[in-house]
Amino acid sequence: ALKRQIEGQSKTTLANWALDFAERELLPVWIRRVVPEDPRPQLSLALARDWLAGRVKLGPAKTAILACHAAARENAADPAAQAAARAIGQCAASIHSPRHSIGLALYGALALAYDELGADAPWVLLEPRAAGHCSRMLEALRAVSVDGETNPAAIRWPC
């Protein structure tokens, strides 16, 4: 259902949805676990917003997005922080490729589940918790979706 909803929306709608959700739900996970030592995810979100508003060129935003992905790799010891940074990076990357918005569900739902249940939680508990977060993501997208969008993003899924 989320994939179909994504396919029917514009690039701008998808980017704003992903950025809004990341700022509201995932950035607090990162901040609680890592920051103030590492502001890279916040910077990627801020520069993505600046690009959408026409205040910066894509180059600086892409650099910040890549730095956010590096932050994720560097925090492998904390699955919630790592998944939050991966999701934030994907959400920020949705400004130039709307397909990246699916990263919110792929990484973000798991980040939230790990944050709530702990890194040692078994998959049998993580999976339904993550599914619940995916449902909330879908509802958030439906809330901002444009019915009958005349300019839906052209998304080709790799699978």
C-alpha atoms as a PDB file:
ATOM      1  CA  ALA A   1       0.000   0.000   0.000  1.00  0.00           C
ATOM      2  CA  LEU A   2       2.838   2.419   0.825  1.00  0.00           C
ATOM      3  CA  LYS A   3       4.580   1.750  -2.475  1.00  0.00           C
ATOM      4  CA  ARG A   4       1.366   2.445  -4.415  1.00  0.00           C
ATOM      5  CA  GLN A   5       0.740   5.630  -2.444  1.00  0.00           C
ATOM      6  CA  ILE A   6       4.285   6.808  -3.176  1.00  0.00           C
ATOM      7  CA  GLU A   7       3.847   6.115  -6.897  1.00  0.00           C
ATOM      8  CA  GLY A   8       0.855   8.448  -7.104  1.00  0.00           C
ATOM      9  CA  GLN A   9       2.492  11.529  -5.594  1.00  0.00           C
ATOM     10  CA  SER A  10       4.738  14.296  -6.875  1.00  0.00           C
ATOM     11  CA  LYS A  11       8.430  14.524  -6.132  1.00  0.00           C
ATOM     12  CA  THR A  12       7.811  17.568  -3.915  1.00  0.00           C
ATOM     13  CA  THR A  13       5.037  15.893  -1.919  1.00  0.00           C
ATOM     14  CA  LEU A  14       7.215  12.834  -1.345  1.00  0.00           C
ATOM     15  CA  ALA A  15      10.250  14.861  -0.310  1.00  0.00           C
ATOM     16  CA  ASN A  16       8.255  16.964   2.145  1.00  0.00           C
ATOM     17  CA  TRP A  17       6.533  13.899   3.614  1.00  0.00           C
ATOM     18  CA  ALA A  18       9.835  12.084   4.078  1.00  0.00           C
ATOM     19  CA  LEU A  19      11.611  15.116   5.537  1.00  0.00           C
ATOM     20  CA  ASP A  20       8.719  15.920   7.883  1.00  0.00           C
ATOM     21  CA  PHE A  21       8.518  12.366   9.209  1.00  0.00           C
ATOM     22  CA  ALA A  22      12.290  12.112   9.598  1.00  0.00           C
ATOM     23  CA  GLU A  23      12.454  15.380  11.518  1.00  0.00           C
ATOM     24  CA  ARG A  24       9.520  14.504  13.756  1.00  0.00           C
ATOM     25  CA  GLU A  25      10.207  10.811  14.448  1.00  0.00           C
ATOM     26  CA  LEU A  26      13.765   9.813  13.531  1.00  0.00           C
ATOM     27  CA  LEU A  27      15.903  12.811  14.346  1.00  0.00           C
ATOM     28  CA  PRO A  28      14.931  12.544  18.039  1.00  0.00           C
ATOM     29  CA  VAL A  29      16.222   8.945  18.030  1.00  0.00           C
ATOM     30  CA  TRP A  30      19.549  10.115  16.599  1.00  0.00           C
ATOM     31  CA  ILE A  31      19.810  13.072  18.973  1.00  0.00           C
ATOM     32  CA  ARG A  32      19.018  10.979  22.037  1.00  0.00           C
ATOM     33  CA  ARG A  33      21.627   8.373  21.104  1.00  0.00           C
ATOM     34  CA  VAL A  34      24.458  10.299  19.422  1.00  0.00           C
ATOM     35  CA  VAL A  35      24.174  14.093  19.255  1.00  0.00           C
ATOM     36  CA  PRO A  36      25.418  16.697  20.176  1.00  0.00           C
ATOM     37  CA  GLU A  37      28.635  15.042  19.070  1.00  0.00           C
ATOM     38  CA  ASP A  38      27.472  14.419  15.498  1.00  0.00           C
ATOM     39  CA  PRO A  39      25.132  16.840  13.692  1.00  0.00           C
ATOM     40  CA  ARG A  40      25.429  15.254  10.216  1.00  0.00           C
ATOM     41  CA  PRO A  41      21.841  13.943  10.015  1.00  0.00           C
ATOM     42  CA  GLN A  42      20.424  17.323  11.086  1.00  0.00           C
ATOM     43  CA  LEU A  43      22.580  19.047   8.489  1.00  0.00           C
ATOM     44  CA  SER A  44      21.385  16.711   5.725  1.00  0.00           C
ATOM     45  CA  LEU A  45      17.758  17.516   6.583  1.00  0.00           C
ATOM     46  CA  ALA A  46      18.435  21.252   6.776  1.00  0.00           C
ATOM     47  CA  LEU A  47      20.231  21.348   3.425  1.00  0.00           C
ATOM     48  CA  ALA A  48      17.534  19.202   1.809  1.00  0.00           C
ATOM     49  CA  ARG A  49      14.958  21.753   2.978  1.00  0.00           C
ATOM     50  CA  ASP A  50      17.184  24.579   1.723  1.00  0.00           C
ATOM     51  CA  TRP A  51      17.420  22.902  -1.691  1.00  0.00           C
ATOM     52  CA  LEU A  52      13.641  22.505  -1.876  1.00  0.00           C
ATOM     53  CA  ALA A  53      13.296  26.213  -1.074  1.00  0.00           C
ATOM     54  CA  GLY A  54      15.852  27.155  -3.739  1.00  0.00           C
ATOM     55  CA  ARG A  55      18.384  28.501  -1.233  1.00  0.00           C
ATOM     56  CA  VAL A  56      21.238  26.112  -2.109  1.00  0.00           C
ATOM     57  CA  LYS A  57      22.387  24.134  -5.115  1.00  0.00           C
ATOM     58  CA  LEU A  58      22.154  20.354  -5.127  1.00  0.00           C
ATOM     59  CA  GLY A  59      25.914  19.850  -4.598  1.00  0.00           C
ATOM     60  CA  PRO A  60      26.051  20.988  -0.962  1.00  0.00           C
ATOM     61  CA  ALA A  61      22.876  19.045  -0.170  1.00  0.00           C
ATOM     62  CA  LYS A  62      24.313  15.861  -1.726  1.00  0.00           C
ATOM     63  CA  THR A  63      27.528  16.309   0.243  1.00  0.00           C
ATOM     64  CA  ALA A  64      25.522  16.539   3.471  1.00  0.00           C
ATOM     65  CA  ILE A  65      23.465  13.482   2.495  1.00  0.00           C
ATOM     66  CA  LEU A  66      26.623  11.438   1.883  1.00  0.00           C
ATOM     67  CA  ALA A  67      27.965  12.600   5.249  1.00  0.00           C
ATOM     68  CA  CYS A  68      24.751  11.396   6.882  1.00  0.00           C
ATOM     69  CA  HIS A  69      25.231   7.964   5.296  1.00  0.00           C
ATOM     70  CA  ALA A  70      28.798   7.955   6.644  1.00  0.00           C
ATOM     71  CA  ALA A  71      27.421   8.723  10.113  1.00  0.00           C
ATOM     72  CA  ALA A  72      25.219   5.652   9.801  1.00  0.00           C
ATOM     73  CA  ARG A  73      28.166   3.436   8.874  1.00  0.00           C
ATOM     74  CA  GLU A  74      30.156   4.787  11.814  1.00  0.00           C
ATOM     75  CA  ASN A  75      27.396   3.929  14.303  1.00  0.00           C
ATOM     76  CA  ALA A  76      27.011   0.230  13.557  1.00  0.00           C
ATOM     77  CA  ALA A  77      27.280  -0.588  17.271  1.00  0.00           C
ATOM     78  CA  ASP A  78      23.890   1.048  17.884  1.00  0.00           C
ATOM     79  CA  PRO A  79      21.280  -0.421  15.506  1.00  0.00           C
ATOM     80  CA  ALA A  80      18.669   2.225  16.328  1.00  0.00           C
ATOM     81  CA  ALA A  81      21.064   5.115  15.696  1.00  0.00           C
ATOM     82  CA  GLN A  82      22.478   3.487  12.570  1.00  0.00           C
ATOM     83  CA  ALA A  83      19.037   2.814  11.082  1.00  0.00           C
ATOM     84  CA  ALA A  84      17.856   6.316  12.028  1.00  0.00           C
ATOM     85  CA  ALA A  85      20.814   7.893  10.211  1.00  0.00           C
ATOM     86  CA  ARG A  86      20.269   5.645   7.177  1.00  0.00           C
ATOM     87  CA  ALA A  87      16.595   6.598   7.071  1.00  0.00           C
ATOM     88  CA  ILE A  88      17.351  10.300   7.494  1.00  0.00           C
ATOM     89  CA  GLY A  89      19.879  10.113   4.667  1.00  0.00           C
ATOM     90  CA  GLN A  90      17.353   8.400   2.407  1.00  0.00           C
ATOM     91  CA  CYS A  91      14.678  10.950   3.277  1.00  0.00           C
ATOM     92  CA  ALA A  92      17.062  13.801   2.481  1.00  0.00           C
ATOM     93  CA  ALA A  93      18.067  12.066  -0.768  1.00  0.00           C
ATOM     94  CA  SER A  94      14.417  12.011  -1.840  1.00  0.00           C
ATOM     95  CA  ILE A  95      14.870  15.635  -2.980  1.00  0.00           C
ATOM     96  CA  HIS A  96      16.784  14.448  -6.046  1.00  0.00           C
ATOM     97  CA  SER A  97      15.345  10.956  -6.457  1.00  0.00           C
ATOM     98  CA  PRO A  98      11.842  10.290  -5.126  1.00  0.00           C
ATOM     99  CA  ARG A  99      12.531   6.556  -5.049  1.00  0.00           C
ATOM    100  CA  HIS A 100      14.714   7.202  -1.999  1.00  0.00           C
ATOM    101  CA  SER A 101      11.576   8.039  -0.012  1.00  0.00           C
ATOM    102  CA  ILE A 102      10.939   4.303   0.452  1.00  0.00           C
ATOM    103  CA  GLY A 103      14.050   4.330   2.657  1.00  0.00           C
ATOM    104  CA  LEU A 104      11.892   5.947   5.314  1.00  0.00           C
ATOM    105  CA  ALA A 105       9.987   2.687   5.677  1.00  0.00           C
ATOM    106  CA  LEU A 106      12.918   0.348   5.076  1.00  0.00           C
ATOM    107  CA  TYR A 107      15.227   1.912   7.652  1.00  0.00           C
ATOM    108  CA  GLY A 108      13.013   4.230   9.674  1.00  0.00           C
ATOM    109  CA  ALA A 109      10.528   1.643  10.877  1.00  0.00           C
ATOM    110  CA  LEU A 110      13.339  -0.567  12.103  1.00  0.00           C
ATOM    111  CA  ALA A 111      15.103   2.377  13.773  1.00  0.00           C
ATOM    112  CA  LEU A 112      11.966   3.129  15.755  1.00  0.00           C
ATOM    113  CA  ALA A 113      11.435  -0.529  16.650  1.00  0.00           C
ATOM    114  CA  TYR A 114      15.037  -0.922  17.833  1.00  0.00           C
ATOM    115  CA  ASP A 115      14.772   2.306  19.791  1.00  0.00           C
ATOM    116  CA  GLU A 116      11.678   1.046  21.601  1.00  0.00           C
ATOM    117  CA  LEU A 117      12.601  -2.612  22.090  1.00  0.00           C
ATOM    118  CA  GLY A 118      16.400  -2.545  22.275  1.00  0.00           C
ATOM    119  CA  ALA A 119      19.204  -3.865  20.116  1.00  0.00           C
ATOM    120  CA  ASP A 120      18.861  -7.390  21.482  1.00  0.00           C
ATOM    121  CA  ALA A 121      15.134  -7.707  20.792  1.00  0.00           C
ATOM    122  CA  PRO A 122      14.258 -10.799  18.745  1.00  0.00           C
ATOM    123  CA  TRP A 123      12.969 -10.411  15.203  1.00  0.00           C
ATOM    124  CA  VAL A 124       9.627 -11.909  16.253  1.00  0.00           C
ATOM    125  CA  LEU A 125       9.067  -8.733  18.318  1.00  0.00           C
ATOM    126  CA  LEU A 126      10.837  -6.241  16.040  1.00  0.00           C
ATOM    127  CA  GLU A 127       8.928  -7.146  12.887  1.00  0.00           C
ATOM    128  CA  PRO A 128       5.389  -6.368  14.104  1.00  0.00           C
ATOM    129  CA  ARG A 129       6.588  -3.201  15.835  1.00  0.00           C
ATOM    130  CA  ALA A 130       8.266  -2.033  12.609  1.00  0.00           C
ATOM    131  CA  ALA A 131       5.111  -2.910  10.649  1.00  0.00           C
ATOM    132  CA  GLY A 132       3.115  -0.664  12.958  1.00  0.00           C
ATOM    133  CA  HIS A 133       5.494   2.196  12.237  1.00  0.00           C
ATOM    134  CA  CYS A 134       5.158   1.548   8.491  1.00  0.00           C
ATOM    135  CA  SER A 135       1.407   1.908   8.904  1.00  0.00           C
ATOM    136  CA  ARG A 136       1.928   5.272  10.601  1.00  0.00           C
ATOM    137  CA  MET A 137       4.192   6.341   7.738  1.00  0.00           C
ATOM    138  CA  LEU A 138       1.499   5.409   5.236  1.00  0.00           C
ATOM    139  CA  GLU A 139      -1.102   7.382   7.184  1.00  0.00           C
ATOM    140  CA  ALA A 140       1.238  10.378   7.290  1.00  0.00           C
ATOM    141  CA  LEU A 141       1.671  10.187   3.507  1.00  0.00           C
ATOM    142  CA  ARG A 142      -2.063   9.831   2.947  1.00  0.00           C
ATOM    143  CA  ALA A 143      -2.613  12.941   5.063  1.00  0.00           C
ATOM    144  CA  VAL A 144      -0.477  15.064   2.711  1.00  0.00           C
ATOM    145  CA  SER A 145      -1.233  13.259  -0.555  1.00  0.00           C
ATOM    146  CA  VAL A 146      -2.787  15.109  -3.452  1.00  0.00           C
ATOM    147  CA  ASP A 147      -5.814  13.268  -4.827  1.00  0.00           C
ATOM    148  CA  GLY A 148      -5.556  12.908  -8.583  1.00  0.00           C
ATOM    149  CA  GLU A 149      -1.971  14.210  -8.637  1.00  0.00           C
ATOM    150  CA  THR A 150      -1.362  15.378 -12.200  1.00  0.00           C
ATOM    151  CA  ASN A 151       2.422  15.178 -11.987  1.00  0.00           C
ATOM    152  CA  PRO A 152       3.304  11.973 -10.116  1.00  0.00           C
ATOM    153  CA  ALA A 153       6.965  11.147  -9.685  1.00  0.00           C
ATOM    154  CA  ALA A 154       8.327   8.771 -12.305  1.00  0.00           C
ATOM    155  CA  ILE A 155       9.589   5.952 -10.125  1.00  0.00           C
ATOM    156  CA  ARG A 156      11.117   2.756 -11.442  1.00  0.00           C
ATOM    157  CA  TRP A 157      11.593   0.297  -8.620  1.00  0.00           C
ATOM    158  CA  PRO A 158      14.647  -1.973  -8.944  1.00  0.00           C
ATOM    159  CA  CYS A 159      12.677  -5.019  -7.844  1.00  0.00           C
END
